[in-house]
Amino acid sequence: MTRRALLVPLQTAASVALLVARVAWDSDTFQHCRYLGPSTRMYVTSWTGLACALGALLAFATLPRAERRGITAASAALSVLAALLLLAGVYWLYAPDPSGGDDCSGMRPLIP
């Protein structure tokens, strides 16, 4: 396996690790039932993970056909899944407040 072929599993592993970190930091958006918005580390892990996943796919596409088998092909398939999940994560970063601006319950107070 060449050095360029090793980039595919390494970048895939990095993107999956960043996806796990992004999911672990989902609780950053709320504190004491107040919506704070996404944290900086959520932005960094989402965009960096997406870049790693797309980089793995690009590295796989530039490999000769003889090296597109085994662990590199499995890593590329996993990288496609990671890229889709990270793309959804980036979308959710820019989505509006899920509680509708009314804290954790999503319901407006009955008495103003």
Protein backbone atom coordinates (compact mmCIF):
# COMPACT_ATOMS: atom_id res chain seq x y z
CA MET A 1 0.00 0.00 0.00
CA THR A 2 1.41 3.37 -1.00
CA ARG A 3 1.46 6.51 1.09
CA ARG A 4 -1.31 8.04 -0.97
CA ALA A 5 -3.45 4.96 -0.37
CA LEU A 6 -2.90 5.34 3.39
CA LEU A 7 -4.46 8.81 3.27
CA VAL A 8 -7.90 7.33 2.63
CA PRO A 9 -8.23 5.32 5.88
CA LEU A 10 -6.46 8.01 7.92
CA GLN A 11 -8.73 10.79 6.72
CA THR A 12 -11.78 8.57 7.13
CA ALA A 13 -10.79 7.79 10.71
CA ALA A 14 -10.29 11.50 11.38
CA SER A 15 -13.69 12.38 9.93
CA VAL A 16 -15.45 9.68 11.97
CA ALA A 17 -13.68 10.86 15.14
CA LEU A 18 -14.76 14.43 14.43
CA LEU A 19 -18.32 13.24 13.81
CA VAL A 20 -18.35 11.52 17.20
CA ALA A 21 -16.95 14.68 18.84
CA ARG A 22 -19.60 16.80 17.10
CA VAL A 23 -22.39 14.57 18.40
CA ALA A 24 -20.88 14.60 21.90
CA TRP A 25 -20.99 18.40 21.96
CA ASP A 26 -24.65 18.70 20.97
CA SER A 27 -25.48 19.62 24.55
CA ASP A 28 -23.55 22.90 24.15
CA THR A 29 -26.57 24.59 22.61
CA PHE A 30 -28.65 24.73 25.81
CA GLN A 31 -27.71 25.81 29.31
CA HIS A 32 -30.31 25.98 32.08
CA CYS A 33 -33.08 25.76 29.46
CA ARG A 34 -31.76 28.78 27.56
CA TYR A 35 -30.81 28.42 23.92
CA LEU A 36 -27.23 29.60 23.42
CA GLY A 37 -26.77 28.48 19.85
CA PRO A 38 -24.05 26.19 18.52
CA SER A 39 -20.63 26.50 20.12
CA THR A 40 -17.42 27.22 18.24
CA ARG A 41 -16.20 23.67 18.71
CA MET A 42 -19.39 22.41 17.02
CA TYR A 43 -18.62 24.57 13.98
CA VAL A 44 -14.96 23.50 13.91
CA THR A 45 -15.64 19.77 14.22
CA SER A 46 -18.45 19.83 11.66
CA TRP A 47 -16.57 21.71 8.96
CA THR A 48 -13.22 19.97 9.60
CA GLY A 49 -14.84 16.53 9.64
CA LEU A 50 -16.60 17.29 6.34
CA ALA A 51 -13.30 18.44 4.83
CA CYS A 52 -11.58 15.23 5.98
CA ALA A 53 -14.35 13.04 4.57
CA LEU A 54 -14.26 14.81 1.21
CA GLY A 55 -10.46 14.68 1.24
CA ALA A 56 -10.60 10.92 1.73
CA LEU A 57 -12.96 10.60 -1.23
CA LEU A 58 -10.70 12.79 -3.36
CA ALA A 59 -7.64 10.75 -2.39
CA PHE A 60 -9.53 7.55 -3.24
CA ALA A 61 -10.55 8.95 -6.63
CA THR A 62 -6.94 9.78 -7.52
CA LEU A 63 -5.65 6.27 -6.75
CA PRO A 64 -4.87 3.89 -9.59
CA ARG A 65 -7.45 1.14 -10.08
CA ALA A 66 -5.04 -1.49 -8.74
CA GLU A 67 -4.97 0.22 -5.32
CA ARG A 68 -8.75 0.75 -5.04
CA ARG A 69 -9.50 -2.43 -3.13
CA GLY A 70 -9.50 -3.80 0.37
CA ILE A 71 -9.24 -1.35 3.21
CA THR A 72 -9.13 1.69 0.93
CA ALA A 73 -12.44 0.79 -0.70
CA ALA A 74 -14.06 0.07 2.67
CA SER A 75 -12.72 3.36 4.02
CA ALA A 76 -14.08 5.24 1.01
CA ALA A 77 -17.52 3.71 1.56
CA LEU A 78 -17.43 4.69 5.23
CA SER A 79 -16.25 8.14 4.20
CA VAL A 80 -19.35 8.60 2.03
CA LEU A 81 -21.56 7.82 5.02
CA ALA A 82 -19.54 10.13 7.28
CA ALA A 83 -19.71 12.92 4.69
CA LEU A 84 -23.51 12.65 4.51
CA LEU A 85 -23.86 12.71 8.30
CA LEU A 86 -21.45 15.62 8.63
CA LEU A 87 -23.26 17.49 5.87
CA ALA A 88 -26.48 17.06 7.86
CA GLY A 89 -24.60 18.31 10.92
CA VAL A 90 -23.49 21.44 9.07
CA TYR A 91 -27.08 22.00 7.96
CA TRP A 92 -28.30 21.72 11.56
CA LEU A 93 -25.70 24.25 12.68
CA TYR A 94 -27.39 26.92 10.61
CA ALA A 95 -30.98 25.80 11.26
CA PRO A 96 -33.21 28.05 13.38
CA ASP A 97 -33.70 27.58 17.12
CA PRO A 98 -35.39 24.17 17.52
CA SER A 99 -37.37 25.27 20.57
CA GLY A 100 -38.93 28.17 18.73
CA GLY A 101 -37.28 30.73 21.00
CA ASP A 102 -39.30 29.62 24.03
CA ASP A 103 -36.57 27.79 25.95
CA CYS A 104 -36.64 24.02 26.48
CA SER A 105 -40.37 23.41 26.37
CA GLY A 106 -41.13 25.01 23.04
CA MET A 107 -44.40 26.24 24.51
CA ARG A 108 -45.29 29.83 25.12
CA PRO A 109 -46.23 30.79 28.67
CA LEU A 110 -49.97 30.82 29.31
CA ILE A 111 -49.78 34.02 31.33
CA PRO A 112 -47.66 36.76 29.72
